[in-house]
Amino acid sequence: MVSRLWDFWPIIELEQGQSYRFHLTSMDWQHGFSLQPANINIQIVPKYEHVFTLKPNTSGEFSVNRNEYCGIGHHLMIGKIHVVEEGEKGTAAKVVEEQEKSGVAMR
């Protein structure tokens, strides 16, 4: 996942019960990465890669919040992680595609 002014990219879809390694980096400034309720709080610094492992045990949509002020668009910087139940991979991508077609931006 990449952080940049004022975005986390990409929207990520995970399958419940599977283990994932996240690689975080920043393209420009220092950013904060806060994922709740997993209680993960990382300071993302340019030119460094931060790696952690996550095994989601609950399905749903989770927000990646920013906790390090990065400028005028800071309040817009929210990432998304979709966790789907086993065997439902691909559903978040369909939702994003439908929202883009209808003109509703997912942020």
Protein backbone atom coordinates (compact mmCIF):
# COMPACT_ATOMS: atom_id res chain seq x y z
CA MET A 1 0.00 0.00 0.00
CA VAL A 2 1.36 3.39 -0.99
CA SER A 3 0.64 6.66 0.77
CA ARG A 4 0.86 9.98 -1.03
CA LEU A 5 -0.71 13.41 -0.76
CA TRP A 6 -3.71 12.83 -0.01
CA ASP A 7 -4.46 9.23 -0.69
CA PHE A 8 -3.77 5.63 0.29
CA TRP A 9 -3.53 3.39 -2.77
CA PRO A 10 -4.91 0.90 -3.73
CA ILE A 11 -8.20 -0.15 -2.15
CA ILE A 12 -7.37 -3.63 -0.88
CA GLU A 13 -9.54 -6.72 -0.66
CA LEU A 14 -8.60 -9.49 1.77
CA GLU A 15 -10.17 -12.84 2.54
CA GLN A 16 -11.17 -13.52 6.14
CA GLY A 17 -8.91 -16.04 7.90
CA GLN A 18 -6.01 -15.70 5.43
CA SER A 19 -2.65 -14.22 6.43
CA TYR A 20 -1.24 -11.24 4.48
CA ARG A 21 2.02 -9.30 4.56
CA PHE A 22 1.58 -5.58 4.03
CA HIS A 23 4.37 -3.44 2.61
CA LEU A 24 3.84 0.27 3.30
CA THR A 25 5.75 3.16 1.83
CA SER A 26 5.32 6.88 1.15
CA MET A 27 5.95 8.62 -2.14
CA ASP A 28 6.29 12.12 -0.72
CA TRP A 29 5.82 13.05 2.97
CA GLN A 30 5.65 11.41 6.34
CA HIS A 31 2.19 9.87 6.81
CA GLY A 32 0.45 7.97 9.56
CA PHE A 33 -1.29 4.61 9.07
CA SER A 34 -3.88 3.58 11.64
CA LEU A 35 -5.97 0.43 11.18
CA GLN A 36 -8.60 -0.21 13.83
CA PRO A 37 -9.78 -2.46 15.45
CA ALA A 38 -6.54 -4.32 14.65
CA ASN A 39 -4.69 -1.67 16.70
CA ILE A 40 -2.01 -1.16 14.06
CA ASN A 41 -0.39 2.27 14.12
CA ILE A 42 2.62 2.95 11.87
CA GLN A 43 4.46 6.07 10.86
CA ILE A 44 5.20 5.85 7.13
CA VAL A 45 8.40 7.60 6.08
CA PRO A 46 9.55 8.22 2.46
CA LYS A 47 12.22 5.84 1.11
CA TYR A 48 11.49 3.22 3.79
CA GLU A 49 9.36 0.11 3.57
CA HIS A 50 7.36 -0.91 6.61
CA VAL A 51 6.23 -4.55 6.68
CA PHE A 52 3.65 -6.18 8.94
CA THR A 53 1.47 -9.27 8.88
CA LEU A 54 -2.32 -9.15 9.17
CA LYS A 55 -4.79 -12.02 9.47
CA PRO A 56 -8.32 -10.56 9.45
CA ASN A 57 -10.85 -12.47 11.54
CA THR A 58 -13.89 -10.30 10.75
CA SER A 59 -15.42 -9.42 7.41
CA GLY A 60 -16.48 -5.88 6.53
CA GLU A 61 -15.11 -2.56 5.31
CA PHE A 62 -12.33 -1.00 7.35
CA SER A 63 -10.87 2.48 7.05
CA VAL A 64 -7.17 3.22 7.08
CA ASN A 65 -6.97 6.51 8.92
CA ARG A 66 -4.22 9.05 8.83
CA ASN A 67 -2.73 10.28 12.07
CA GLU A 68 0.19 12.42 10.90
CA TYR A 69 -0.74 15.84 9.51
CA CYS A 70 0.40 16.17 5.88
CA GLY A 71 -1.18 19.37 4.64
CA ILE A 72 -4.38 20.95 3.42
CA GLY A 73 -5.93 17.71 2.08
CA HIS A 74 -5.10 15.68 5.19
CA HIS A 75 -8.77 15.22 6.15
CA LEU A 76 -9.43 13.53 2.77
CA MET A 77 -6.78 10.86 3.25
CA ILE A 78 -8.69 7.68 4.06
CA GLY A 79 -7.79 4.27 2.69
CA LYS A 80 -10.09 1.26 2.45
CA ILE A 81 -9.60 -2.40 3.23
CA HIS A 82 -12.42 -4.78 2.37
CA VAL A 83 -12.45 -8.13 4.14
CA VAL A 84 -14.73 -10.71 2.52
CA GLU A 85 -15.79 -14.11 3.76
CA GLU A 86 -14.00 -17.16 2.40
CA GLY A 87 -14.84 -17.80 -1.25
CA GLU A 88 -16.27 -14.33 -1.95
CA LYS A 89 -13.08 -12.80 -3.38
CA GLY A 90 -13.77 -10.11 -5.95
CA THR A 91 -16.90 -8.59 -4.41
CA ALA A 92 -15.20 -5.35 -3.33
CA ALA A 93 -13.91 -4.76 -6.85
CA LYS A 94 -17.47 -5.06 -8.16
CA VAL A 95 -18.73 -2.51 -5.63
CA VAL A 96 -15.98 -0.04 -6.59
CA GLU A 97 -16.72 -0.53 -10.28
CA GLU A 98 -20.47 0.06 -9.74
CA GLN A 99 -19.78 3.21 -7.72
CA GLU A 100 -17.42 4.58 -10.36
CA LYS A 101 -20.06 3.98 -13.07
CA SER A 102 -22.71 5.79 -11.04
CA GLY A 103 -20.37 8.73 -10.40
CA VAL A 104 -19.98 8.06 -6.68
CA ALA A 105 -16.29 8.20 -5.85
CA MET A 106 -15.14 5.75 -3.19
CA ARG A 107 -12.61 7.32 -0.89
